[in-house]
Amino acid sequence: MKAELCADLELNQVIDRNVGDLSGGELQRFAIAVVAIQNAEIYMFDEPSSYLDVKQRLKAAQVIRSLLRPNSYVIVVEHDLSVLDYLSDFICCLYGKPGAYGVVTLPFSVREGINIFLAGFVPTENLRFRDESLTFKVAETPQESAEEIETYARYKYPTMTKTQGNFKLKVMEGEFTDSQIIVMLGENGTGKTTFIRMLAGLLKPDNVEGSDVEIPEFNVSYKPQKISPKFQSTVRHLLHQKIRDSYMHPQFVSDVMKPLLIEQLMDQEVVNLSGGELQRVALCLCLGKVNVPELPKR
């Protein structure tokens, strides 16, 4: 059983690594394995697809489905609709007001449950819990040429290496420009977080190979992958302490706080926030630590 789980969840390559050195995705797969290896009557998984890439989400779903037996139950909390469709036999939808109350519907078939969630309407109870239905549209945007993208500065970083436990990351010299959003894409455990922490100045590289290029120094606002709430007060006090100027600025409120629905969390204790609520607060803090935006000039 152990060998099969390690193979299915791709844990063999990290089997000798310290738990503290595991990435977010590796920790998630390890946690799934710890639950799955138990001889239990009820298995419960809370957001098992978090931190996993697409391939690993399907692997994790296969492992969870393999736990089904005539005398066992499996309960999963999940947000990813694609995984939900593959994983579920029945779906209970939850609706309500975040931080105030929640209601659980009766079980529906997979197709019914997903359609109810997307539509925001429970036909069996004649109840609408969302004003608008969720629709997915693919917008075709023409590719902009390099000349059309206005950039103001170009920054280079050197070839460098970083070793953590048995894992070694080698970064080749590269560059990035402002006025662009750059996404790092790769499987779990390949060093994305380590790389971005080095760029942010939170980790020092072990070695910088012969080059006169240095990591550029910036005023960095960084939102980590894993969030551990330690602030012993409300969200309002946290924002006031960390980003007072930004969170009182009208443009920041309209552009950041309202879309992230921060207002409804303001009087909640930070340590009592759910994972999704913590992510929203962390994004707000990250975006608020940059310079306060100027009001548009007329």
C-alpha atoms as a PDB file:
ATOM      1  CA  MET A   1       0.000   0.000   0.000  1.00  0.00           C
ATOM      2  CA  LYS A   2       2.765   2.458   0.959  1.00  0.00           C
ATOM      3  CA  ALA A   3       4.822   1.732  -2.161  1.00  0.00           C
ATOM      4  CA  GLU A   4       1.743   2.050  -4.376  1.00  0.00           C
ATOM      5  CA  LEU A   5       0.737   5.390  -2.821  1.00  0.00           C
ATOM      6  CA  CYS A   6       4.268   6.779  -3.124  1.00  0.00           C
ATOM      7  CA  ALA A   7       4.368   5.799  -6.785  1.00  0.00           C
ATOM      8  CA  ASP A   8       0.902   7.194  -7.584  1.00  0.00           C
ATOM      9  CA  LEU A   9       1.551  10.491  -5.786  1.00  0.00           C
ATOM     10  CA  GLU A  10       5.147  10.795  -7.055  1.00  0.00           C
ATOM     11  CA  LEU A  11       6.630  10.815  -3.556  1.00  0.00           C
ATOM     12  CA  ASN A  12       9.523   8.427  -4.208  1.00  0.00           C
ATOM     13  CA  GLN A  13      11.850  11.232  -5.282  1.00  0.00           C
ATOM     14  CA  VAL A  14      11.252  13.116  -1.992  1.00  0.00           C
ATOM     15  CA  ILE A  15      11.002  10.108   0.329  1.00  0.00           C
ATOM     16  CA  ASP A  16      14.286  10.965   2.100  1.00  0.00           C
ATOM     17  CA  ARG A  17      13.704  14.709   2.243  1.00  0.00           C
ATOM     18  CA  ASN A  18      12.777  16.490   5.491  1.00  0.00           C
ATOM     19  CA  VAL A  19       9.103  17.447   5.670  1.00  0.00           C
ATOM     20  CA  GLY A  20      10.115  21.061   6.348  1.00  0.00           C
ATOM     21  CA  ASP A  21      11.963  21.187   3.009  1.00  0.00           C
ATOM     22  CA  LEU A  22       8.959  20.092   0.922  1.00  0.00           C
ATOM     23  CA  SER A  23       7.254  22.521  -1.449  1.00  0.00           C
ATOM     24  CA  GLY A  24       3.551  23.319  -1.162  1.00  0.00           C
ATOM     25  CA  GLY A  25       2.577  20.714  -3.769  1.00  0.00           C
ATOM     26  CA  GLU A  26       4.825  18.051  -2.240  1.00  0.00           C
ATOM     27  CA  LEU A  27       3.339  18.720   1.194  1.00  0.00           C
ATOM     28  CA  GLN A  28      -0.161  18.390  -0.253  1.00  0.00           C
ATOM     29  CA  ARG A  29       0.630  15.014  -1.832  1.00  0.00           C
ATOM     30  CA  PHE A  30       2.272  13.864   1.414  1.00  0.00           C
ATOM     31  CA  ALA A  31      -0.850  14.882   3.382  1.00  0.00           C
ATOM     32  CA  ILE A  32      -3.096  12.974   0.948  1.00  0.00           C
ATOM     33  CA  ALA A  33      -0.892   9.892   1.347  1.00  0.00           C
ATOM     34  CA  VAL A  34      -1.016  10.134   5.165  1.00  0.00           C
ATOM     35  CA  VAL A  35      -4.832  10.115   5.085  1.00  0.00           C
ATOM     36  CA  ALA A  36      -5.150   7.472   2.364  1.00  0.00           C
ATOM     37  CA  ILE A  37      -2.834   4.974   4.067  1.00  0.00           C
ATOM     38  CA  GLN A  38      -5.058   4.802   7.162  1.00  0.00           C
ATOM     39  CA  ASN A  39      -7.491   1.933   7.653  1.00  0.00           C
ATOM     40  CA  ALA A  40     -10.522   4.131   8.288  1.00  0.00           C
ATOM     41  CA  GLU A  41     -14.275   4.000   7.816  1.00  0.00           C
ATOM     42  CA  ILE A  42     -14.542   7.658   6.773  1.00  0.00           C
ATOM     43  CA  TYR A  43     -11.894   9.536   4.766  1.00  0.00           C
ATOM     44  CA  MET A  44     -12.085  13.341   4.683  1.00  0.00           C
ATOM     45  CA  PHE A  45     -10.057  15.603   2.388  1.00  0.00           C
ATOM     46  CA  ASP A  46     -10.155  19.400   2.640  1.00  0.00           C
ATOM     47  CA  GLU A  47      -9.216  20.975  -0.713  1.00  0.00           C
ATOM     48  CA  PRO A  48      -6.846  18.196  -1.840  1.00  0.00           C
ATOM     49  CA  SER A  49      -6.088  19.870  -5.189  1.00  0.00           C
ATOM     50  CA  SER A  50      -4.591  23.053  -3.667  1.00  0.00           C
ATOM     51  CA  TYR A  51      -0.940  23.632  -4.672  1.00  0.00           C
ATOM     52  CA  LEU A  52      -1.064  20.739  -7.186  1.00  0.00           C
ATOM     53  CA  ASP A  53      -0.504  21.100 -10.919  1.00  0.00           C
ATOM     54  CA  VAL A  54      -3.004  19.681 -13.414  1.00  0.00           C
ATOM     55  CA  LYS A  55      -1.353  16.281 -13.775  1.00  0.00           C
ATOM     56  CA  GLN A  56      -1.020  15.809 -10.032  1.00  0.00           C
ATOM     57  CA  ARG A  57      -4.623  16.850  -9.409  1.00  0.00           C
ATOM     58  CA  LEU A  58      -5.815  13.977 -11.572  1.00  0.00           C
ATOM     59  CA  LYS A  59      -3.410  11.589  -9.827  1.00  0.00           C
ATOM     60  CA  ALA A  60      -4.682  12.729  -6.428  1.00  0.00           C
ATOM     61  CA  ALA A  61      -8.287  12.275  -7.578  1.00  0.00           C
ATOM     62  CA  GLN A  62      -7.498   8.728  -8.706  1.00  0.00           C
ATOM     63  CA  VAL A  63      -5.959   7.924  -5.309  1.00  0.00           C
ATOM     64  CA  ILE A  64      -9.000   9.323  -3.488  1.00  0.00           C
ATOM     65  CA  ARG A  65     -11.419   7.336  -5.665  1.00  0.00           C
ATOM     66  CA  SER A  66      -9.409   4.173  -4.992  1.00  0.00           C
ATOM     67  CA  LEU A  67     -10.407   4.443  -1.310  1.00  0.00           C
ATOM     68  CA  LEU A  68     -14.039   3.632  -2.101  1.00  0.00           C
ATOM     69  CA  ARG A  69     -15.153   0.364  -0.515  1.00  0.00           C
ATOM     70  CA  PRO A  70     -18.584  -1.046   0.389  1.00  0.00           C
ATOM     71  CA  ASN A  71     -17.967  -0.203   4.061  1.00  0.00           C
ATOM     72  CA  SER A  72     -16.213   3.183   3.732  1.00  0.00           C
ATOM     73  CA  TYR A  73     -17.205   6.791   3.058  1.00  0.00           C
ATOM     74  CA  VAL A  74     -15.202   9.528   1.342  1.00  0.00           C
ATOM     75  CA  ILE A  75     -15.997  13.231   1.860  1.00  0.00           C
ATOM     76  CA  VAL A  76     -14.126  15.909  -0.103  1.00  0.00           C
ATOM     77  CA  VAL A  77     -14.206  19.716   0.069  1.00  0.00           C
ATOM     78  CA  GLU A  78     -13.193  21.061  -3.339  1.00  0.00           C
ATOM     79  CA  HIS A  79     -13.306  24.211  -5.480  1.00  0.00           C
ATOM     80  CA  ASP A  80     -11.844  22.944  -8.766  1.00  0.00           C
ATOM     81  CA  LEU A  81     -14.815  22.045 -10.979  1.00  0.00           C
ATOM     82  CA  SER A  82     -12.772  19.859 -13.345  1.00  0.00           C
ATOM     83  CA  VAL A  83     -11.488  17.714 -10.476  1.00  0.00           C
ATOM     84  CA  LEU A  84     -14.932  17.747  -8.885  1.00  0.00           C
ATOM     85  CA  ASP A  85     -16.520  16.324 -12.027  1.00  0.00           C
ATOM     86  CA  TYR A  86     -14.026  13.456 -12.178  1.00  0.00           C
ATOM     87  CA  LEU A  87     -13.932  12.796  -8.440  1.00  0.00           C
ATOM     88  CA  SER A  88     -17.552  12.926  -7.309  1.00  0.00           C
ATOM     89  CA  ASP A  89     -20.519  10.593  -7.245  1.00  0.00           C
ATOM     90  CA  PHE A  90     -22.749  13.151  -5.500  1.00  0.00           C
ATOM     91  CA  ILE A  91     -22.367  16.873  -4.787  1.00  0.00           C
ATOM     92  CA  CYS A  92     -23.652  19.065  -1.957  1.00  0.00           C
ATOM     93  CA  CYS A  93     -23.522  22.776  -2.772  1.00  0.00           C
ATOM     94  CA  LEU A  94     -22.917  25.372  -0.073  1.00  0.00           C
ATOM     95  CA  TYR A  95     -24.197  28.925  -0.196  1.00  0.00           C
ATOM     96  CA  GLY A  96     -24.558  31.822   2.209  1.00  0.00           C
ATOM     97  CA  LYS A  97     -22.708  34.939   3.279  1.00  0.00           C
ATOM     98  CA  PRO A  98     -18.974  34.451   3.887  1.00  0.00           C
ATOM     99  CA  GLY A  99     -18.089  34.975   7.526  1.00  0.00           C
ATOM    100  CA  ALA A 100     -21.762  35.075   8.578  1.00  0.00           C
ATOM    101  CA  TYR A 101     -23.610  31.858   7.711  1.00  0.00           C
ATOM    102  CA  GLY A 102     -23.609  28.906   5.340  1.00  0.00           C
ATOM    103  CA  VAL A 103     -26.251  26.452   4.135  1.00  0.00           C
ATOM    104  CA  VAL A 104     -25.631  22.954   2.755  1.00  0.00           C
ATOM    105  CA  THR A 105     -28.012  21.591   0.117  1.00  0.00           C
ATOM    106  CA  LEU A 106     -29.172  18.012  -0.176  1.00  0.00           C
ATOM    107  CA  PRO A 107     -26.943  15.773  -2.337  1.00  0.00           C
ATOM    108  CA  PHE A 108     -27.370  16.066  -6.103  1.00  0.00           C
ATOM    109  CA  SER A 109     -25.909  14.116  -8.996  1.00  0.00           C
ATOM    110  CA  VAL A 110     -22.597  15.434 -10.311  1.00  0.00           C
ATOM    111  CA  ARG A 111     -24.107  17.179 -13.331  1.00  0.00           C
ATOM    112  CA  GLU A 112     -26.980  18.640 -11.306  1.00  0.00           C
ATOM    113  CA  GLY A 113     -24.676  19.838  -8.534  1.00  0.00           C
ATOM    114  CA  ILE A 114     -22.262  21.608 -10.876  1.00  0.00           C
ATOM    115  CA  ASN A 115     -25.104  23.207 -12.855  1.00  0.00           C
ATOM    116  CA  ILE A 116     -26.774  24.412  -9.633  1.00  0.00           C
ATOM    117  CA  PHE A 117     -23.523  25.961  -8.446  1.00  0.00           C
ATOM    118  CA  LEU A 118     -22.922  27.696 -11.787  1.00  0.00           C
ATOM    119  CA  ALA A 119     -26.520  28.885 -12.115  1.00  0.00           C
ATOM    120  CA  GLY A 120     -26.753  30.101  -8.510  1.00  0.00           C
ATOM    121  CA  PHE A 121     -30.219  28.555  -8.247  1.00  0.00           C
ATOM    122  CA  VAL A 122     -31.516  25.480  -6.369  1.00  0.00           C
ATOM    123  CA  PRO A 123     -34.604  24.292  -8.298  1.00  0.00           C
ATOM    124  CA  THR A 124     -35.765  21.788  -5.659  1.00  0.00           C
ATOM    125  CA  GLU A 125     -36.036  24.622  -3.122  1.00  0.00           C
ATOM    126  CA  ASN A 126     -36.901  27.356  -5.651  1.00  0.00           C
ATOM    127  CA  LEU A 127     -34.066  29.360  -4.133  1.00  0.00           C
ATOM    128  CA  ARG A 128     -31.656  31.750  -5.808  1.00  0.00           C
ATOM    129  CA  PHE A 129     -28.455  32.232  -3.811  1.00  0.00           C
ATOM    130  CA  ARG A 130     -26.543  34.295  -6.399  1.00  0.00           C
ATOM    131  CA  ASP A 131     -27.860  37.151  -8.537  1.00  0.00           C
ATOM    132  CA  GLU A 132     -25.873  36.183 -11.624  1.00  0.00           C
ATOM    133  CA  SER A 133     -24.935  32.815 -13.087  1.00  0.00           C
ATOM    134  CA  LEU A 134     -21.294  31.972 -13.688  1.00  0.00           C
ATOM    135  CA  THR A 135     -20.364  31.663 -17.365  1.00  0.00           C
ATOM    136  CA  PHE A 136     -17.024  30.940 -18.980  1.00  0.00           C
ATOM    137  CA  LYS A 137     -16.191  32.850 -22.146  1.00  0.00           C
ATOM    138  CA  VAL A 138     -12.994  32.606 -24.145  1.00  0.00           C
ATOM    139  CA  ALA A 139     -12.026  36.027 -25.455  1.00  0.00           C
ATOM    140  CA  GLU A 140      -9.826  36.088 -28.504  1.00  0.00           C
ATOM    141  CA  THR A 141      -7.255  38.848 -28.235  1.00  0.00           C
ATOM    142  CA  PRO A 142      -4.787  39.579 -31.024  1.00  0.00           C
ATOM    143  CA  GLN A 143      -1.130  38.977 -30.243  1.00  0.00           C
ATOM    144  CA  GLU A 144       0.704  42.193 -29.595  1.00  0.00           C
ATOM    145  CA  SER A 145       4.035  42.567 -31.263  1.00  0.00           C
ATOM    146  CA  ALA A 146       7.093  43.378 -29.191  1.00  0.00           C
ATOM    147  CA  GLU A 147       7.081  46.909 -30.602  1.00  0.00           C
ATOM    148  CA  GLU A 148       3.544  47.527 -29.336  1.00  0.00           C
ATOM    149  CA  ILE A 149       4.431  46.767 -25.725  1.00  0.00           C
ATOM    150  CA  GLU A 150       5.697  49.897 -24.067  1.00  0.00           C
ATOM    151  CA  THR A 151       8.468  49.130 -21.597  1.00  0.00           C
ATOM    152  CA  TYR A 152      10.566  51.497 -19.585  1.00  0.00           C
ATOM    153  CA  ALA A 153      13.394  49.458 -18.065  1.00  0.00           C
ATOM    154  CA  ARG A 154      15.115  46.105 -18.435  1.00  0.00           C
ATOM    155  CA  TYR A 155      16.561  44.205 -15.472  1.00  0.00           C
ATOM    156  CA  LYS A 156      18.962  41.270 -15.525  1.00  0.00           C
ATOM    157  CA  TYR A 157      19.678  38.542 -12.979  1.00  0.00           C
ATOM    158  CA  PRO A 158      22.781  36.299 -12.953  1.00  0.00           C
ATOM    159  CA  THR A 159      23.316  32.557 -13.306  1.00  0.00           C
ATOM    160  CA  MET A 160      22.956  31.185  -9.777  1.00  0.00           C
ATOM    161  CA  THR A 161      22.377  27.993  -7.806  1.00  0.00           C
ATOM    162  CA  LYS A 162      20.569  27.147  -4.574  1.00  0.00           C
ATOM    163  CA  THR A 163      20.611  23.851  -2.668  1.00  0.00           C
ATOM    164  CA  GLN A 164      17.980  22.933  -0.085  1.00  0.00           C
ATOM    165  CA  GLY A 165      18.367  19.439   1.324  1.00  0.00           C
ATOM    166  CA  ASN A 166      18.690  17.078  -1.634  1.00  0.00           C
ATOM    167  CA  PHE A 167      17.156  19.579  -4.046  1.00  0.00           C
ATOM    168  CA  LYS A 168      19.366  21.764  -6.223  1.00  0.00           C
ATOM    169  CA  LEU A 169      18.080  24.625  -8.362  1.00  0.00           C
ATOM    170  CA  LYS A 170      20.162  26.119 -11.153  1.00  0.00           C
ATOM    171  CA  VAL A 171      18.988  29.393 -12.677  1.00  0.00           C
ATOM    172  CA  MET A 172      20.460  30.539 -15.973  1.00  0.00           C
ATOM    173  CA  GLU A 173      21.118  34.248 -16.501  1.00  0.00           C
ATOM    174  CA  GLY A 174      18.037  36.066 -17.722  1.00  0.00           C
ATOM    175  CA  GLU A 175      16.156  39.334 -17.732  1.00  0.00           C
ATOM    176  CA  PHE A 176      12.721  40.857 -17.298  1.00  0.00           C
ATOM    177  CA  THR A 177      11.142  44.213 -18.051  1.00  0.00           C
ATOM    178  CA  ASP A 178       8.601  46.373 -16.309  1.00  0.00           C
ATOM    179  CA  SER A 179       5.071  46.966 -17.639  1.00  0.00           C
ATOM    180  CA  GLN A 180       4.671  43.185 -18.043  1.00  0.00           C
ATOM    181  CA  ILE A 181       3.286  40.277 -16.037  1.00  0.00           C
ATOM    182  CA  ILE A 182       5.677  37.324 -16.120  1.00  0.00           C
ATOM    183  CA  VAL A 183       4.407  33.861 -15.126  1.00  0.00           C
ATOM    184  CA  MET A 184       6.699  31.023 -14.060  1.00  0.00           C
ATOM    185  CA  LEU A 185       5.199  27.728 -15.160  1.00  0.00           C
ATOM    186  CA  GLY A 186       6.408  24.322 -14.014  1.00  0.00           C
ATOM    187  CA  GLU A 187       5.567  21.182 -12.059  1.00  0.00           C
ATOM    188  CA  ASN A 188       5.529  21.123  -8.271  1.00  0.00           C
ATOM    189  CA  GLY A 189       8.926  20.836  -6.658  1.00  0.00           C
ATOM    190  CA  THR A 190      10.898  22.229  -9.610  1.00  0.00           C
ATOM    191  CA  GLY A 191      11.941  25.391  -7.733  1.00  0.00           C
ATOM    192  CA  LYS A 192       9.451  28.110  -8.725  1.00  0.00           C
ATOM    193  CA  THR A 193       9.026  29.378  -5.166  1.00  0.00           C
ATOM    194  CA  THR A 194      12.756  29.127  -4.455  1.00  0.00           C
ATOM    195  CA  PHE A 195      13.518  31.172  -7.589  1.00  0.00           C
ATOM    196  CA  ILE A 196      11.020  33.912  -6.816  1.00  0.00           C
ATOM    197  CA  ARG A 197      12.249  34.105  -3.209  1.00  0.00           C
ATOM    198  CA  MET A 198      15.792  34.618  -4.512  1.00  0.00           C
ATOM    199  CA  LEU A 199      14.597  37.392  -6.821  1.00  0.00           C
ATOM    200  CA  ALA A 200      12.749  38.967  -3.889  1.00  0.00           C
ATOM    201  CA  GLY A 201      15.911  38.913  -1.773  1.00  0.00           C
ATOM    202  CA  LEU A 202      14.427  36.525   0.801  1.00  0.00           C
ATOM    203  CA  LEU A 203      16.872  33.723  -0.087  1.00  0.00           C
ATOM    204  CA  LYS A 204      20.539  34.153  -0.892  1.00  0.00           C
ATOM    205  CA  PRO A 205      21.900  31.989  -3.729  1.00  0.00           C
ATOM    206  CA  ASP A 206      24.663  29.563  -2.768  1.00  0.00           C
ATOM    207  CA  ASN A 207      26.702  30.505  -5.783  1.00  0.00           C
ATOM    208  CA  VAL A 208      26.627  33.203  -8.452  1.00  0.00           C
ATOM    209  CA  GLU A 209      28.659  32.116 -11.458  1.00  0.00           C
ATOM    210  CA  GLY A 210      31.196  34.390 -13.160  1.00  0.00           C
ATOM    211  CA  SER A 211      29.176  37.386 -14.182  1.00  0.00           C
ATOM    212  CA  ASP A 212      29.103  41.073 -13.420  1.00  0.00           C
ATOM    213  CA  VAL A 213      25.299  40.884 -13.363  1.00  0.00           C
ATOM    214  CA  GLU A 214      23.727  41.185  -9.912  1.00  0.00           C
ATOM    215  CA  ILE A 215      20.215  40.555  -8.684  1.00  0.00           C
ATOM    216  CA  PRO A 216      18.481  43.945  -9.008  1.00  0.00           C
ATOM    217  CA  GLU A 217      17.479  45.583  -5.737  1.00  0.00           C
ATOM    218  CA  PHE A 218      13.863  46.692  -5.517  1.00  0.00           C
ATOM    219  CA  ASN A 219      11.273  47.675  -2.980  1.00  0.00           C
ATOM    220  CA  VAL A 220       9.592  44.248  -3.062  1.00  0.00           C
ATOM    221  CA  SER A 221       6.043  43.356  -2.045  1.00  0.00           C
ATOM    222  CA  TYR A 222       5.820  39.556  -1.807  1.00  0.00           C
ATOM    223  CA  LYS A 223       2.852  37.247  -1.203  1.00  0.00           C
ATOM    224  CA  PRO A 224       4.120  33.816  -0.130  1.00  0.00           C
ATOM    225  CA  GLN A 225       2.624  30.539  -1.280  1.00  0.00           C
ATOM    226  CA  LYS A 226       1.893  29.256   2.222  1.00  0.00           C
ATOM    227  CA  ILE A 227       0.283  31.627   4.714  1.00  0.00           C
ATOM    228  CA  SER A 228       0.472  31.108   8.498  1.00  0.00           C
ATOM    229  CA  PRO A 229      -1.823  33.576  10.315  1.00  0.00           C
ATOM    230  CA  LYS A 230      -0.150  34.833  13.497  1.00  0.00           C
ATOM    231  CA  PHE A 231      -1.651  38.322  13.840  1.00  0.00           C
ATOM    232  CA  GLN A 232      -3.732  38.409  17.037  1.00  0.00           C
ATOM    233  CA  SER A 233      -6.370  40.938  16.042  1.00  0.00           C
ATOM    234  CA  THR A 234      -8.864  41.797  13.308  1.00  0.00           C
ATOM    235  CA  VAL A 235      -8.294  42.255   9.588  1.00  0.00           C
ATOM    236  CA  ARG A 236      -9.042  45.964  10.036  1.00  0.00           C
ATOM    237  CA  HIS A 237      -6.197  46.339  12.548  1.00  0.00           C
ATOM    238  CA  LEU A 238      -3.853  44.330  10.320  1.00  0.00           C
ATOM    239  CA  LEU A 239      -4.496  46.539   7.287  1.00  0.00           C
ATOM    240  CA  HIS A 240      -4.258  49.688   9.396  1.00  0.00           C
ATOM    241  CA  GLN A 241      -0.904  48.566  10.782  1.00  0.00           C
ATOM    242  CA  LYS A 242       0.651  47.277   7.538  1.00  0.00           C
ATOM    243  CA  ILE A 243      -0.811  49.390   4.721  1.00  0.00           C
ATOM    244  CA  ARG A 244      -2.591  52.294   6.416  1.00  0.00           C
ATOM    245  CA  ASP A 245      -2.059  54.798   3.596  1.00  0.00           C
ATOM    246  CA  SER A 246      -3.182  52.397   0.873  1.00  0.00           C
ATOM    247  CA  TYR A 247      -6.260  50.929   2.518  1.00  0.00           C
ATOM    248  CA  MET A 248      -7.645  54.397   3.246  1.00  0.00           C
ATOM    249  CA  HIS A 249      -7.069  55.555  -0.338  1.00  0.00           C
ATOM    250  CA  PRO A 250     -10.313  55.679  -2.404  1.00  0.00           C
ATOM    251  CA  GLN A 251      -8.708  54.255  -5.550  1.00  0.00           C
ATOM    252  CA  PHE A 252      -7.151  51.328  -3.665  1.00  0.00           C
ATOM    253  CA  VAL A 253     -10.524  50.601  -2.067  1.00  0.00           C
ATOM    254  CA  SER A 254     -12.312  50.550  -5.436  1.00  0.00           C
ATOM    255  CA  ASP A 255      -9.592  48.750  -7.440  1.00  0.00           C
ATOM    256  CA  VAL A 256      -8.406  46.182  -4.878  1.00  0.00           C
ATOM    257  CA  MET A 257     -10.477  45.899  -1.713  1.00  0.00           C
ATOM    258  CA  LYS A 258     -13.925  45.793  -3.306  1.00  0.00           C
ATOM    259  CA  PRO A 259     -13.088  43.140  -5.953  1.00  0.00           C
ATOM    260  CA  LEU A 260     -11.438  41.010  -3.230  1.00  0.00           C
ATOM    261  CA  LEU A 261     -14.476  41.479  -0.925  1.00  0.00           C
ATOM    262  CA  ILE A 262     -12.249  42.617   1.930  1.00  0.00           C
ATOM    263  CA  GLU A 263     -14.915  44.812   3.547  1.00  0.00           C
ATOM    264  CA  GLN A 264     -16.880  41.792   4.795  1.00  0.00           C
ATOM    265  CA  LEU A 265     -13.766  40.455   6.529  1.00  0.00           C
ATOM    266  CA  MET A 266     -12.732  43.668   8.280  1.00  0.00           C
ATOM    267  CA  ASP A 267     -14.033  42.782  11.754  1.00  0.00           C
ATOM    268  CA  GLN A 268     -13.004  39.127  11.706  1.00  0.00           C
ATOM    269  CA  GLU A 269     -10.012  37.809  13.637  1.00  0.00           C
ATOM    270  CA  VAL A 270      -7.133  37.004  11.279  1.00  0.00           C
ATOM    271  CA  VAL A 271      -6.431  33.655  12.981  1.00  0.00           C
ATOM    272  CA  ASN A 272     -10.042  32.566  12.334  1.00  0.00           C
ATOM    273  CA  LEU A 273     -10.026  33.209   8.567  1.00  0.00           C
ATOM    274  CA  SER A 274     -10.440  30.338   6.125  1.00  0.00           C
ATOM    275  CA  GLY A 275      -7.768  29.502   3.562  1.00  0.00           C
ATOM    276  CA  GLY A 276      -9.493  31.454   0.794  1.00  0.00           C
ATOM    277  CA  GLU A 277     -10.120  34.455   3.041  1.00  0.00           C
ATOM    278  CA  LEU A 278      -6.459  34.450   4.081  1.00  0.00           C
ATOM    279  CA  GLN A 279      -5.409  34.451   0.430  1.00  0.00           C
ATOM    280  CA  ARG A 280      -7.578  37.491  -0.282  1.00  0.00           C
ATOM    281  CA  VAL A 281      -6.183  39.404   2.689  1.00  0.00           C
ATOM    282  CA  ALA A 282      -2.619  38.436   1.709  1.00  0.00           C
ATOM    283  CA  LEU A 283      -3.200  39.697  -1.854  1.00  0.00           C
ATOM    284  CA  CYS A 284      -4.581  42.956  -0.486  1.00  0.00           C
ATOM    285  CA  LEU A 285      -1.509  43.392   1.731  1.00  0.00           C
ATOM    286  CA  CYS A 286       0.835  42.590  -1.153  1.00  0.00           C
ATOM    287  CA  LEU A 287      -0.810  45.080  -3.509  1.00  0.00           C
ATOM    288  CA  GLY A 288      -1.043  47.704  -0.780  1.00  0.00           C
ATOM    289  CA  LYS A 289       2.661  47.709   0.046  1.00  0.00           C
ATOM    290  CA  VAL A 290       3.568  49.372  -3.237  1.00  0.00           C
ATOM    291  CA  ASN A 291       3.319  53.130  -3.571  1.00  0.00           C
ATOM    292  CA  VAL A 292      -0.131  54.607  -3.068  1.00  0.00           C
ATOM    293  CA  PRO A 293      -1.617  55.201  -6.551  1.00  0.00           C
ATOM    294  CA  GLU A 294      -2.063  58.769  -7.658  1.00  0.00           C
ATOM    295  CA  LEU A 295      -5.532  59.923  -8.497  1.00  0.00           C
ATOM    296  CA  PRO A 296      -6.059  60.252 -12.260  1.00  0.00           C
ATOM    297  CA  LYS A 297      -5.324  63.783 -13.396  1.00  0.00           C
ATOM    298  CA  ARG A 298      -8.027  65.506 -15.400  1.00  0.00           C
END
